[in-house]
Amino acid sequence: TLTVMIEEPKFFTLDNVYFDSGKSSLKAASYKELNELVEYLNLKPGTSIEIAGHTDNIGEAQFNLNLSQNRAEEVKKYLVDKGISANRLIAIGYGESMPVSDNNSEKGRSLNRRTEVHIKS
């Protein structure tokens, strides 16, 4: 018999998670995507994740680092409020230190402002 192993991704970007500019408050438009993450975590009770917050390079680096941490914590809080155990979640803000695009255009900066999920186990 042939056995097919499908490897799940080790990380992915939450494409529809939005925050108020310069703040860590989640916009209501984020809830659909976050609820899908809750469903995923409910289907995979042994899985723990890192919630990684990233910013563009506009503003002070320390402000961006704090902002990204607060945003990651806000996502974690949402998941916990939906019944996901906090010990399965770690929130880390990386600020502007890990860009995925050029910060010289609005399109590039928007790609750098992101929330990622890293599967830990």
PDB file of N, CA and C in Angstrom:
ATOM      1  N   THR A   1       0.839  -1.191   0.000  1.00  0.00           N
ATOM      2  CA  THR A   1       0.000   0.000   0.000  1.00  0.00           C
ATOM      3  C   THR A   1       0.876   1.244   0.000  1.00  0.00           C
ATOM      4  N   LEU A   2       0.334   2.285  -0.557  1.00  0.00           N
ATOM      5  CA  LEU A   2       1.039   3.562  -0.646  1.00  0.00           C
ATOM      6  C   LEU A   2       0.566   4.471   0.478  1.00  0.00           C
ATOM      7  N   THR A   3       1.519   4.990   1.237  1.00  0.00           N
ATOM      8  CA  THR A   3       1.191   5.917   2.313  1.00  0.00           C
ATOM      9  C   THR A   3       1.626   7.307   1.891  1.00  0.00           C
ATOM     10  N   VAL A   4       0.711   8.227   1.966  1.00  0.00           N
ATOM     11  CA  VAL A   4       1.010   9.614   1.613  1.00  0.00           C
ATOM     12  C   VAL A   4       1.046  10.440   2.885  1.00  0.00           C
ATOM     13  N   MET A   5       2.158  11.097   3.086  1.00  0.00           N
ATOM     14  CA  MET A   5       2.288  11.974   4.238  1.00  0.00           C
ATOM     15  C   MET A   5       2.141  13.413   3.755  1.00  0.00           C
ATOM     16  N   ILE A   6       1.228  14.118   4.355  1.00  0.00           N
ATOM     17  CA  ILE A   6       1.045  15.527   4.013  1.00  0.00           C
ATOM     18  C   ILE A   6       1.593  16.348   5.159  1.00  0.00           C
ATOM     19  N   GLU A   7       2.600  17.146   4.847  1.00  0.00           N
ATOM     20  CA  GLU A   7       3.229  17.984   5.865  1.00  0.00           C
ATOM     21  C   GLU A   7       2.468  19.301   5.962  1.00  0.00           C
ATOM     22  N   GLU A   8       2.001  19.601   7.155  1.00  0.00           N
ATOM     23  CA  GLU A   8       1.325  20.876   7.361  1.00  0.00           C
ATOM     24  C   GLU A   8       2.364  21.986   7.406  1.00  0.00           C
ATOM     25  N   PRO A   9       1.965  23.194   7.021  1.00  0.00           N
ATOM     26  CA  PRO A   9       2.918  24.305   7.085  1.00  0.00           C
ATOM     27  C   PRO A   9       3.365  24.563   8.520  1.00  0.00           C
ATOM     28  N   LYS A  10       4.603  25.000   8.670  1.00  0.00           N
ATOM     29  CA  LYS A  10       5.149  25.286   9.994  1.00  0.00           C
ATOM     30  C   LYS A  10       4.821  26.712  10.444  1.00  0.00           C
ATOM     31  N   PHE A  11       4.499  27.564   9.482  1.00  0.00           N
ATOM     32  CA  PHE A  11       4.037  28.903   9.842  1.00  0.00           C
ATOM     33  C   PHE A  11       3.183  29.459   8.720  1.00  0.00           C
ATOM     34  N   PHE A  12       2.328  30.400   9.070  1.00  0.00           N
ATOM     35  CA  PHE A  12       1.503  31.076   8.082  1.00  0.00           C
ATOM     36  C   PHE A  12       1.155  32.460   8.599  1.00  0.00           C
ATOM     37  N   THR A  13       0.837  33.332   7.659  1.00  0.00           N
ATOM     38  CA  THR A  13       0.460  34.704   7.991  1.00  0.00           C
ATOM     39  C   THR A  13      -1.052  34.793   8.102  1.00  0.00           C
ATOM     40  N   LEU A  14      -1.515  35.460   9.129  1.00  0.00           N
ATOM     41  CA  LEU A  14      -2.944  35.752   9.268  1.00  0.00           C
ATOM     42  C   LEU A  14      -3.228  36.989   8.417  1.00  0.00           C
ATOM     43  N   ASP A  15      -3.768  36.766   7.230  1.00  0.00           N
ATOM     44  CA  ASP A  15      -3.902  37.847   6.252  1.00  0.00           C
ATOM     45  C   ASP A  15      -4.946  38.895   6.610  1.00  0.00           C
ATOM     46  N   ASN A  16      -5.931  38.523   7.388  1.00  0.00           N
ATOM     47  CA  ASN A  16      -7.034  39.449   7.658  1.00  0.00           C
ATOM     48  C   ASN A  16      -7.151  39.809   9.132  1.00  0.00           C
ATOM     49  N   VAL A  17      -6.011  40.075   9.752  1.00  0.00           N
ATOM     50  CA  VAL A  17      -6.000  40.558  11.130  1.00  0.00           C
ATOM     51  C   VAL A  17      -5.550  42.012  11.082  1.00  0.00           C
ATOM     52  N   TYR A  18      -6.403  42.890  11.595  1.00  0.00           N
ATOM     53  CA  TYR A  18      -6.176  44.331  11.480  1.00  0.00           C
ATOM     54  C   TYR A  18      -6.207  45.003  12.840  1.00  0.00           C
ATOM     55  N   PHE A  19      -5.368  46.023  12.962  1.00  0.00           N
ATOM     56  CA  PHE A  19      -5.299  46.826  14.183  1.00  0.00           C
ATOM     57  C   PHE A  19      -5.468  48.294  13.819  1.00  0.00           C
ATOM     58  N   ASP A  20      -5.905  49.088  14.791  1.00  0.00           N
ATOM     59  CA  ASP A  20      -5.925  50.527  14.586  1.00  0.00           C
ATOM     60  C   ASP A  20      -4.486  51.007  14.410  1.00  0.00           C
ATOM     61  N   SER A  21      -4.280  51.990  13.583  1.00  0.00           N
ATOM     62  CA  SER A  21      -2.946  52.503  13.283  1.00  0.00           C
ATOM     63  C   SER A  21      -2.238  52.958  14.551  1.00  0.00           C
ATOM     64  N   GLY A  22      -1.035  52.414  14.771  1.00  0.00           N
ATOM     65  CA  GLY A  22      -0.237  52.796  15.930  1.00  0.00           C
ATOM     66  C   GLY A  22      -0.743  52.255  17.248  1.00  0.00           C
ATOM     67  N   LYS A  23      -1.734  51.377  17.216  1.00  0.00           N
ATOM     68  CA  LYS A  23      -2.336  50.843  18.438  1.00  0.00           C
ATOM     69  C   LYS A  23      -2.393  49.326  18.372  1.00  0.00           C
ATOM     70  N   SER A  24      -2.706  48.709  19.502  1.00  0.00           N
ATOM     71  CA  SER A  24      -2.787  47.256  19.534  1.00  0.00           C
ATOM     72  C   SER A  24      -4.224  46.744  19.571  1.00  0.00           C
ATOM     73  N   SER A  25      -5.211  47.650  19.467  1.00  0.00           N
ATOM     74  CA  SER A  25      -6.597  47.210  19.530  1.00  0.00           C
ATOM     75  C   SER A  25      -7.006  46.534  18.218  1.00  0.00           C
ATOM     76  N   LEU A  26      -7.577  45.326  18.352  1.00  0.00           N
ATOM     77  CA  LEU A  26      -8.034  44.560  17.193  1.00  0.00           C
ATOM     78  C   LEU A  26      -9.263  45.208  16.585  1.00  0.00           C
ATOM     79  N   LYS A  27      -9.304  45.242  15.258  1.00  0.00           N
ATOM     80  CA  LYS A  27     -10.507  45.691  14.569  1.00  0.00           C
ATOM     81  C   LYS A  27     -11.453  44.503  14.419  1.00  0.00           C
ATOM     82  N   ALA A  28     -12.754  44.782  14.404  1.00  0.00           N
ATOM     83  CA  ALA A  28     -13.765  43.724  14.300  1.00  0.00           C
ATOM     84  C   ALA A  28     -13.592  42.893  13.037  1.00  0.00           C
ATOM     85  N   ALA A  29     -13.020  43.468  11.985  1.00  0.00           N
ATOM     86  CA  ALA A  29     -12.796  42.733  10.736  1.00  0.00           C
ATOM     87  C   ALA A  29     -11.825  41.566  10.924  1.00  0.00           C
ATOM     88  N   SER A  30     -11.130  41.521  12.044  1.00  0.00           N
ATOM     89  CA  SER A  30     -10.163  40.456  12.338  1.00  0.00           C
ATOM     90  C   SER A  30     -10.819  39.190  12.876  1.00  0.00           C
ATOM     91  N   TYR A  31     -12.022  39.305  13.398  1.00  0.00           N
ATOM     92  CA  TYR A  31     -12.610  38.208  14.154  1.00  0.00           C
ATOM     93  C   TYR A  31     -12.813  36.952  13.312  1.00  0.00           C
ATOM     94  N   LYS A  32     -13.214  37.101  12.050  1.00  0.00           N
ATOM     95  CA  LYS A  32     -13.450  35.932  11.195  1.00  0.00           C
ATOM     96  C   LYS A  32     -12.176  35.102  11.077  1.00  0.00           C
ATOM     97  N   GLU A  33     -11.066  35.743  10.773  1.00  0.00           N
ATOM     98  CA  GLU A  33      -9.794  35.032  10.627  1.00  0.00           C
ATOM     99  C   GLU A  33      -9.358  34.412  11.960  1.00  0.00           C
ATOM    100  N   LEU A  34      -9.509  35.155  13.026  1.00  0.00           N
ATOM    101  CA  LEU A  34      -9.119  34.636  14.334  1.00  0.00           C
ATOM    102  C   LEU A  34     -10.012  33.480  14.773  1.00  0.00           C
ATOM    103  N   ASN A  35     -11.280  33.528  14.423  1.00  0.00           N
ATOM    104  CA  ASN A  35     -12.183  32.420  14.753  1.00  0.00           C
ATOM    105  C   ASN A  35     -11.797  31.158  13.986  1.00  0.00           C
ATOM    106  N   GLU A  36     -11.284  31.316  12.763  1.00  0.00           N
ATOM    107  CA  GLU A  36     -10.788  30.163  12.011  1.00  0.00           C
ATOM    108  C   GLU A  36      -9.556  29.569  12.699  1.00  0.00           C
ATOM    109  N   LEU A  37      -8.719  30.423  13.265  1.00  0.00           N
ATOM    110  CA  LEU A  37      -7.566  29.942  14.011  1.00  0.00           C
ATOM    111  C   LEU A  37      -8.016  29.202  15.278  1.00  0.00           C
ATOM    112  N   VAL A  38      -9.048  29.695  15.929  1.00  0.00           N
ATOM    113  CA  VAL A  38      -9.618  29.012  17.094  1.00  0.00           C
ATOM    114  C   VAL A  38     -10.100  27.618  16.686  1.00  0.00           C
ATOM    115  N   GLU A  39     -10.807  27.521  15.555  1.00  0.00           N
ATOM    116  CA  GLU A  39     -11.288  26.224  15.071  1.00  0.00           C
ATOM    117  C   GLU A  39     -10.122  25.278  14.814  1.00  0.00           C
ATOM    118  N   TYR A  40      -9.078  25.788  14.166  1.00  0.00           N
ATOM    119  CA  TYR A  40      -7.890  24.977  13.892  1.00  0.00           C
ATOM    120  C   TYR A  40      -7.292  24.443  15.195  1.00  0.00           C
ATOM    121  N   LEU A  41      -7.133  25.326  16.172  1.00  0.00           N
ATOM    122  CA  LEU A  41      -6.542  24.921  17.452  1.00  0.00           C
ATOM    123  C   LEU A  41      -7.441  23.941  18.206  1.00  0.00           C
ATOM    124  N   ASN A  42      -8.747  24.080  18.058  1.00  0.00           N
ATOM    125  CA  ASN A  42      -9.664  23.124  18.678  1.00  0.00           C
ATOM    126  C   ASN A  42      -9.561  21.744  18.029  1.00  0.00           C
ATOM    127  N   LEU A  43      -9.287  21.708  16.715  1.00  0.00           N
ATOM    128  CA  LEU A  43      -9.121  20.445  16.002  1.00  0.00           C
ATOM    129  C   LEU A  43      -7.778  19.795  16.303  1.00  0.00           C
ATOM    130  N   LYS A  44      -6.809  20.595  16.752  1.00  0.00           N
ATOM    131  CA  LYS A  44      -5.455  20.119  17.038  1.00  0.00           C
ATOM    132  C   LYS A  44      -5.103  20.411  18.493  1.00  0.00           C
ATOM    133  N   PRO A  45      -5.732  19.719  19.443  1.00  0.00           N
ATOM    134  CA  PRO A  45      -5.553  20.060  20.854  1.00  0.00           C
ATOM    135  C   PRO A  45      -4.123  19.914  21.375  1.00  0.00           C
ATOM    136  N   GLY A  46      -3.280  19.160  20.671  1.00  0.00           N
ATOM    137  CA  GLY A  46      -1.901  19.002  21.110  1.00  0.00           C
ATOM    138  C   GLY A  46      -0.952  20.031  20.521  1.00  0.00           C
ATOM    139  N   THR A  47      -1.486  20.928  19.717  1.00  0.00           N
ATOM    140  CA  THR A  47      -0.657  21.912  19.028  1.00  0.00           C
ATOM    141  C   THR A  47      -0.486  23.176  19.856  1.00  0.00           C
ATOM    142  N   SER A  48       0.743  23.648  19.937  1.00  0.00           N
ATOM    143  CA  SER A  48       1.007  24.950  20.546  1.00  0.00           C
ATOM    144  C   SER A  48       1.589  25.852  19.463  1.00  0.00           C
ATOM    145  N   ILE A  49       1.357  27.145  19.604  1.00  0.00           N
ATOM    146  CA  ILE A  49       1.774  28.090  18.573  1.00  0.00           C
ATOM    147  C   ILE A  49       2.466  29.313  19.174  1.00  0.00           C
ATOM    148  N   GLU A  50       3.260  29.932  18.333  1.00  0.00           N
ATOM    149  CA  GLU A  50       3.793  31.260  18.624  1.00  0.00           C
ATOM    150  C   GLU A  50       3.026  32.240  17.759  1.00  0.00           C
ATOM    151  N   ILE A  51       2.572  33.313  18.361  1.00  0.00           N
ATOM    152  CA  ILE A  51       1.940  34.409  17.636  1.00  0.00           C
ATOM    153  C   ILE A  51       3.017  35.473  17.487  1.00  0.00           C
ATOM    154  N   ALA A  52       3.427  35.726  16.248  1.00  0.00           N
ATOM    155  CA  ALA A  52       4.541  36.634  15.979  1.00  0.00           C
ATOM    156  C   ALA A  52       4.017  37.931  15.374  1.00  0.00           C
ATOM    157  N   GLY A  53       4.267  39.033  16.077  1.00  0.00           N
ATOM    158  CA  GLY A  53       3.850  40.345  15.588  1.00  0.00           C
ATOM    159  C   GLY A  53       5.003  41.048  14.892  1.00  0.00           C
ATOM    160  N   HIS A  54       4.709  41.692  13.755  1.00  0.00           N
ATOM    161  CA  HIS A  54       5.722  42.405  12.974  1.00  0.00           C
ATOM    162  C   HIS A  54       5.178  43.774  12.558  1.00  0.00           C
ATOM    163  N   THR A  55       6.078  44.738  12.430  1.00  0.00           N
ATOM    164  CA  THR A  55       5.698  46.080  11.976  1.00  0.00           C
ATOM    165  C   THR A  55       6.559  46.488  10.782  1.00  0.00           C
ATOM    166  N   ASP A  56       6.204  47.629  10.192  1.00  0.00           N
ATOM    167  CA  ASP A  56       7.085  48.231   9.198  1.00  0.00           C
ATOM    168  C   ASP A  56       8.122  49.079   9.945  1.00  0.00           C
ATOM    169  N   ASN A  57       8.904  49.868   9.220  1.00  0.00           N
ATOM    170  CA  ASN A  57       9.975  50.620   9.891  1.00  0.00           C
ATOM    171  C   ASN A  57       9.641  52.094  10.104  1.00  0.00           C
ATOM    172  N   ILE A  58       8.380  52.457   9.991  1.00  0.00           N
ATOM    173  CA  ILE A  58       7.973  53.837  10.239  1.00  0.00           C
ATOM    174  C   ILE A  58       7.890  54.046  11.754  1.00  0.00           C
ATOM    175  N   GLY A  59       8.549  55.069  12.245  1.00  0.00           N
ATOM    176  CA  GLY A  59       8.545  55.346  13.680  1.00  0.00           C
ATOM    177  C   GLY A  59       9.787  54.801  14.349  1.00  0.00           C
ATOM    178  N   GLU A  60       9.846  55.008  15.656  1.00  0.00           N
ATOM    179  CA  GLU A  60      10.983  54.566  16.454  1.00  0.00           C
ATOM    180  C   GLU A  60      11.006  53.047  16.583  1.00  0.00           C
ATOM    181  N   ALA A  61      12.190  52.469  16.501  1.00  0.00           N
ATOM    182  CA  ALA A  61      12.334  51.007  16.567  1.00  0.00           C
ATOM    183  C   ALA A  61      11.774  50.448  17.869  1.00  0.00           C
ATOM    184  N   GLN A  62      12.035  51.104  19.006  1.00  0.00           N
ATOM    185  CA  GLN A  62      11.549  50.601  20.293  1.00  0.00           C
ATOM    186  C   GLN A  62      10.027  50.670  20.367  1.00  0.00           C
ATOM    187  N   PHE A  63       9.445  51.735  19.831  1.00  0.00           N
ATOM    188  CA  PHE A  63       7.982  51.840  19.782  1.00  0.00           C
ATOM    189  C   PHE A  63       7.413  50.683  18.967  1.00  0.00           C
ATOM    190  N   ASN A  64       8.023  50.410  17.799  1.00  0.00           N
ATOM    191  CA  ASN A  64       7.549  49.326  16.935  1.00  0.00           C
ATOM    192  C   ASN A  64       7.685  47.967  17.612  1.00  0.00           C
ATOM    193  N   LEU A  65       8.774  47.777  18.353  1.00  0.00           N
ATOM    194  CA  LEU A  65       8.962  46.525  19.074  1.00  0.00           C
ATOM    195  C   LEU A  65       7.864  46.343  20.122  1.00  0.00           C
ATOM    196  N   ASN A  66       7.603  47.384  20.888  1.00  0.00           N
ATOM    197  CA  ASN A  66       6.537  47.338  21.898  1.00  0.00           C
ATOM    198  C   ASN A  66       5.171  47.138  21.246  1.00  0.00           C
ATOM    199  N   LEU A  67       4.932  47.849  20.142  1.00  0.00           N
ATOM    200  CA  LEU A  67       3.658  47.745  19.434  1.00  0.00           C
ATOM    201  C   LEU A  67       3.440  46.319  18.937  1.00  0.00           C
ATOM    202  N   SER A  68       4.468  45.728  18.343  1.00  0.00           N
ATOM    203  CA  SER A  68       4.321  44.368  17.820  1.00  0.00           C
ATOM    204  C   SER A  68       4.074  43.373  18.953  1.00  0.00           C
ATOM    205  N   GLN A  69       4.721  43.573  20.091  1.00  0.00           N
ATOM    206  CA  GLN A  69       4.492  42.698  21.252  1.00  0.00           C
ATOM    207  C   GLN A  69       3.062  42.840  21.753  1.00  0.00           C
ATOM    208  N   ASN A  70       2.603  44.071  21.870  1.00  0.00           N
ATOM    209  CA  ASN A  70       1.242  44.310  22.354  1.00  0.00           C
ATOM    210  C   ASN A  70       0.203  43.737  21.404  1.00  0.00           C
ATOM    211  N   ARG A  71       0.462  43.831  20.096  1.00  0.00           N
ATOM    212  CA  ARG A  71      -0.478  43.272  19.115  1.00  0.00           C
ATOM    213  C   ARG A  71      -0.504  41.748  19.199  1.00  0.00           C
ATOM    214  N   ALA A  72       0.659  41.123  19.344  1.00  0.00           N
ATOM    215  CA  ALA A  72       0.709  39.670  19.490  1.00  0.00           C
ATOM    216  C   ALA A  72      -0.026  39.248  20.760  1.00  0.00           C
ATOM    217  N   GLU A  73       0.152  40.013  21.840  1.00  0.00           N
ATOM    218  CA  GLU A  73      -0.546  39.726  23.103  1.00  0.00           C
ATOM    219  C   GLU A  73      -2.059  39.879  22.944  1.00  0.00           C
ATOM    220  N   GLU A  74      -2.474  40.843  22.145  1.00  0.00           N
ATOM    221  CA  GLU A  74      -3.902  41.064  21.914  1.00  0.00           C
ATOM    222  C   GLU A  74      -4.518  39.869  21.176  1.00  0.00           C
ATOM    223  N   VAL A  75      -3.800  39.329  20.199  1.00  0.00           N
ATOM    224  CA  VAL A  75      -4.273  38.129  19.493  1.00  0.00           C
ATOM    225  C   VAL A  75      -4.346  36.955  20.469  1.00  0.00           C
ATOM    226  N   LYS A  76      -3.324  36.801  21.298  1.00  0.00           N
ATOM    227  CA  LYS A  76      -3.321  35.730  22.298  1.00  0.00           C
ATOM    228  C   LYS A  76      -4.525  35.862  23.224  1.00  0.00           C
ATOM    229  N   LYS A  77      -4.781  37.075  23.691  1.00  0.00           N
ATOM    230  CA  LYS A  77      -5.916  37.313  24.583  1.00  0.00           C
ATOM    231  C   LYS A  77      -7.230  36.918  23.906  1.00  0.00           C
ATOM    232  N   TYR A  78      -7.372  37.256  22.637  1.00  0.00           N
ATOM    233  CA  TYR A  78      -8.584  36.897  21.895  1.00  0.00           C
ATOM    234  C   TYR A  78      -8.757  35.382  21.881  1.00  0.00           C
ATOM    235  N   LEU A  79      -7.680  34.656  21.585  1.00  0.00           N
ATOM    236  CA  LEU A  79      -7.742  33.195  21.521  1.00  0.00           C
ATOM    237  C   LEU A  79      -8.085  32.596  22.884  1.00  0.00           C
ATOM    238  N   VAL A  80      -7.487  33.131  23.947  1.00  0.00           N
ATOM    239  CA  VAL A  80      -7.775  32.655  25.303  1.00  0.00           C
ATOM    240  C   VAL A  80      -9.235  32.926  25.651  1.00  0.00           C
ATOM    241  N   ASP A  81      -9.727  34.108  25.277  1.00  0.00           N
ATOM    242  CA  ASP A  81     -11.129  34.446  25.536  1.00  0.00           C
ATOM    243  C   ASP A  81     -12.082  33.492  24.815  1.00  0.00           C
ATOM    244  N   LYS A  82     -11.606  32.879  23.724  1.00  0.00           N
ATOM    245  CA  LYS A  82     -12.414  31.925  22.960  1.00  0.00           C
ATOM    246  C   LYS A  82     -12.204  30.481  23.429  1.00  0.00           C
ATOM    247  N   GLY A  83     -11.463  30.309  24.538  1.00  0.00           N
ATOM    248  CA  GLY A  83     -11.348  28.991  25.144  1.00  0.00           C
ATOM    249  C   GLY A  83     -10.055  28.242  24.878  1.00  0.00           C
ATOM    250  N   ILE A  84      -9.103  28.855  24.172  1.00  0.00           N
ATOM    251  CA  ILE A  84      -7.825  28.204  23.928  1.00  0.00           C
ATOM    252  C   ILE A  84      -6.940  28.399  25.163  1.00  0.00           C
ATOM    253  N   SER A  85      -6.330  27.329  25.638  1.00  0.00           N
ATOM    254  CA  SER A  85      -5.490  27.388  26.835  1.00  0.00           C
ATOM    255  C   SER A  85      -4.275  28.283  26.599  1.00  0.00           C
ATOM    256  N   ALA A  86      -4.035  29.192  27.521  1.00  0.00           N
ATOM    257  CA  ALA A  86      -2.914  30.133  27.401  1.00  0.00           C
ATOM    258  C   ALA A  86      -1.574  29.424  27.350  1.00  0.00           C
ATOM    259  N   ASN A  87      -1.478  28.233  27.948  1.00  0.00           N
ATOM    260  CA  ASN A  87      -0.188  27.545  27.940  1.00  0.00           C
ATOM    261  C   ASN A  87       0.151  26.932  26.580  1.00  0.00           C
ATOM    262  N   ARG A  88      -0.772  27.026  25.624  1.00  0.00           N
ATOM    263  CA  ARG A  88      -0.513  26.585  24.241  1.00  0.00           C
ATOM    264  C   ARG A  88      -0.048  27.741  23.358  1.00  0.00           C
ATOM    265  N   LEU A  89      -0.031  28.940  23.917  1.00  0.00           N
ATOM    266  CA  LEU A  89       0.204  30.146  23.127  1.00  0.00           C
ATOM    267  C   LEU A  89       1.369  30.951  23.681  1.00  0.00           C
ATOM    268  N   ILE A  90       2.230  31.410  22.789  1.00  0.00           N
ATOM    269  CA  ILE A  90       3.268  32.357  23.178  1.00  0.00           C
ATOM    270  C   ILE A  90       3.192  33.528  22.205  1.00  0.00           C
ATOM    271  N   ALA A  91       3.242  34.730  22.745  1.00  0.00           N
ATOM    272  CA  ALA A  91       3.167  35.938  21.933  1.00  0.00           C
ATOM    273  C   ALA A  91       4.528  36.631  21.934  1.00  0.00           C
ATOM    274  N   ILE A  92       5.056  36.876  20.748  1.00  0.00           N
ATOM    275  CA  ILE A  92       6.352  37.543  20.631  1.00  0.00           C
ATOM    276  C   ILE A  92       6.259  38.641  19.584  1.00  0.00           C
ATOM    277  N   GLY A  93       6.739  39.812  19.961  1.00  0.00           N
ATOM    278  CA  GLY A  93       6.807  40.926  19.022  1.00  0.00           C
ATOM    279  C   GLY A  93       8.218  41.074  18.481  1.00  0.00           C
ATOM    280  N   TYR A  94       8.324  41.164  17.179  1.00  0.00           N
ATOM    281  CA  TYR A  94       9.627  41.301  16.530  1.00  0.00           C
ATOM    282  C   TYR A  94       9.859  42.702  15.969  1.00  0.00           C
ATOM    283  N   GLY A  95       8.871  43.572  16.129  1.00  0.00           N
ATOM    284  CA  GLY A  95       9.019  44.939  15.624  1.00  0.00           C
ATOM    285  C   GLY A  95       9.301  44.950  14.138  1.00  0.00           C
ATOM    286  N   GLU A  96      10.276  45.767  13.759  1.00  0.00           N
ATOM    287  CA  GLU A  96      10.620  45.939  12.345  1.00  0.00           C
ATOM    288  C   GLU A  96      11.810  45.081  11.934  1.00  0.00           C
ATOM    289  N   SER A  97      12.229  44.143  12.800  1.00  0.00           N
ATOM    290  CA  SER A  97      13.489  43.415  12.609  1.00  0.00           C
ATOM    291  C   SER A  97      13.453  42.316  11.551  1.00  0.00           C
ATOM    292  N   MET A  98      12.269  41.902  11.102  1.00  0.00           N
ATOM    293  CA  MET A  98      12.172  40.784  10.161  1.00  0.00           C
ATOM    294  C   MET A  98      11.282  41.124   8.974  1.00  0.00           C
ATOM    295  N   PRO A  99      11.656  42.124   8.176  1.00  0.00           N
ATOM    296  CA  PRO A  99      10.810  42.496   7.039  1.00  0.00           C
ATOM    297  C   PRO A  99      10.757  41.386   5.986  1.00  0.00           C
ATOM    298  N   VAL A 100       9.622  41.280   5.313  1.00  0.00           N
ATOM    299  CA  VAL A 100       9.470  40.345   4.204  1.00  0.00           C
ATOM    300  C   VAL A 100       9.435  41.085   2.874  1.00  0.00           C
ATOM    301  N   SER A 101       9.464  42.409   2.949  1.00  0.00           N
ATOM    302  CA  SER A 101       9.413  43.235   1.753  1.00  0.00           C
ATOM    303  C   SER A 101      10.169  44.536   2.004  1.00  0.00           C
ATOM    304  N   ASP A 102      10.290  45.321   0.962  1.00  0.00           N
ATOM    305  CA  ASP A 102      10.971  46.611   1.016  1.00  0.00           C
ATOM    306  C   ASP A 102      10.089  47.632   1.737  1.00  0.00           C
ATOM    307  N   ASN A 103      10.648  48.380   2.665  1.00  0.00           N
ATOM    308  CA  ASN A 103       9.885  49.394   3.388  1.00  0.00           C
ATOM    309  C   ASN A 103       9.808  50.729   2.638  1.00  0.00           C
ATOM    310  N   ASN A 104      10.295  50.778   1.401  1.00  0.00           N
ATOM    311  CA  ASN A 104      10.314  52.034   0.638  1.00  0.00           C
ATOM    312  C   ASN A 104       9.024  52.323  -0.109  1.00  0.00           C
ATOM    313  N   SER A 105       8.055  51.424  -0.030  1.00  0.00           N
ATOM    314  CA  SER A 105       6.758  51.671  -0.672  1.00  0.00           C
ATOM    315  C   SER A 105       5.649  51.297   0.307  1.00  0.00           C
ATOM    316  N   GLU A 106       4.461  51.844   0.091  1.00  0.00           N
ATOM    317  CA  GLU A 106       3.330  51.520   0.959  1.00  0.00           C
ATOM    318  C   GLU A 106       2.990  50.043   0.844  1.00  0.00           C
ATOM    319  N   LYS A 107       3.056  49.487  -0.363  1.00  0.00           N
ATOM    320  CA  LYS A 107       2.778  48.061  -0.546  1.00  0.00           C
ATOM    321  C   LYS A 107       3.755  47.212   0.267  1.00  0.00           C
ATOM    322  N   GLY A 108       5.033  47.536   0.199  1.00  0.00           N
ATOM    323  CA  GLY A 108       6.033  46.800   0.963  1.00  0.00           C
ATOM    324  C   GLY A 108       5.815  46.922   2.455  1.00  0.00           C
ATOM    325  N   ARG A 109       5.536  48.157   2.911  1.00  0.00           N
ATOM    326  CA  ARG A 109       5.294  48.364   4.345  1.00  0.00           C
ATOM    327  C   ARG A 109       4.069  47.586   4.815  1.00  0.00           C
ATOM    328  N   SER A 110       3.027  47.536   3.977  1.00  0.00           N
ATOM    329  CA  SER A 110       1.815  46.811   4.376  1.00  0.00           C
ATOM    330  C   SER A 110       2.091  45.314   4.504  1.00  0.00           C
ATOM    331  N   LEU A 111       2.995  44.777   3.679  1.00  0.00           N
ATOM    332  CA  LEU A 111       3.368  43.366   3.799  1.00  0.00           C
ATOM    333  C   LEU A 111       4.175  43.113   5.069  1.00  0.00           C
ATOM    334  N   ASN A 112       4.942  44.101   5.491  1.00  0.00           N
ATOM    335  CA  ASN A 112       5.751  43.960   6.705  1.00  0.00           C
ATOM    336  C   ASN A 112       4.923  44.061   7.974  1.00  0.00           C
ATOM    337  N   ARG A 113       3.793  44.752   7.908  1.00  0.00           N
ATOM    338  CA  ARG A 113       2.876  44.826   9.051  1.00  0.00           C
ATOM    339  C   ARG A 113       2.015  43.574   9.024  1.00  0.00           C
ATOM    340  N   ARG A 114       2.380  42.589   9.825  1.00  0.00           N
ATOM    341  CA  ARG A 114       1.688  41.308   9.739  1.00  0.00           C
ATOM    342  C   ARG A 114       1.711  40.579  11.083  1.00  0.00           C
ATOM    343  N   THR A 115       0.811  39.611  11.182  1.00  0.00           N
ATOM    344  CA  THR A 115       0.780  38.702  12.316  1.00  0.00           C
ATOM    345  C   THR A 115       0.950  37.297  11.761  1.00  0.00           C
ATOM    346  N   GLU A 116       1.954  36.594  12.263  1.00  0.00           N
ATOM    347  CA  GLU A 116       2.217  35.230  11.813  1.00  0.00           C
ATOM    348  C   GLU A 116       1.926  34.236  12.918  1.00  0.00           C
ATOM    349  N   VAL A 117       1.616  33.017  12.509  1.00  0.00           N
ATOM    350  CA  VAL A 117       1.439  31.909  13.433  1.00  0.00           C
ATOM    351  C   VAL A 117       2.528  30.894  13.119  1.00  0.00           C
ATOM    352  N   HIS A 118       3.325  30.545  14.107  1.00  0.00           N
ATOM    353  CA  HIS A 118       4.382  29.544  13.979  1.00  0.00           C
ATOM    354  C   HIS A 118       3.947  28.323  14.788  1.00  0.00           C
ATOM    355  N   ILE A 119       3.835  27.182  14.108  1.00  0.00           N
ATOM    356  CA  ILE A 119       3.440  25.940  14.776  1.00  0.00           C
ATOM    357  C   ILE A 119       4.658  25.424  15.557  1.00  0.00           C
ATOM    358  N   LYS A 120       4.493  25.248  16.851  1.00  0.00           N
ATOM    359  CA  LYS A 120       5.596  24.813  17.711  1.00  0.00           C
ATOM    360  C   LYS A 120       5.575  23.306  17.954  1.00  0.00           C
ATOM    361  N   SER A 121       4.397  22.730  18.104  1.00  0.00           N
ATOM    362  CA  SER A 121       4.301  21.278  18.322  1.00  0.00           C
ATOM    363  C   SER A 121       2.937  20.779  17.908  1.00  0.00           C
TER     364      SER A 121
END
